[in-house]
């Protein structure tokens, strides 16, 4: 197994810890601050930082990175479905359950969404309740609202 690497990025909504190997991004999490151990960035992590920065500057709507999220097969299916939700749009947990051919697994989809280890890049923030309301987000509901508003600018209705 490759050695883990970590870098930090100060985004408009707080510090991000970006983790990975020499080949793929394995994690992106909100952290309280940069007072943690950082390693020399690999080319993959340098590219991840560049793409995250372009995203926050409004210059990137899709990420082009090798991802290696670790989880169960079901979680992987859910995370794959999240990657298909377009920039500037939202989907419901029910939509994702249908996309993974498990229409009755709405709660399990919610749990898998909450366990997403690569926030923003795997866009768990784009998933809302069937009633159109924002529901929980590991980084805080205010960040989810900020990310959706950031992506929605110029893309039509927020909840399509």
Foldseek 3Di string as FASTA:
>chain_A
DFDKFWDWDQAPLAIWIWMDGLAFTAAIDHDHHDPDDGDPDHPQVVLVNVQVVCLRVVNDFADDTHHDYDDDPVLVLLLVLLNVQGFLEAEELQVSCVSSVRNPCSVVSVVSLQVTRYDPNSDSLRYDHPVQHRDDDPSDSVVSVVRLVSRNVVPPDSYD
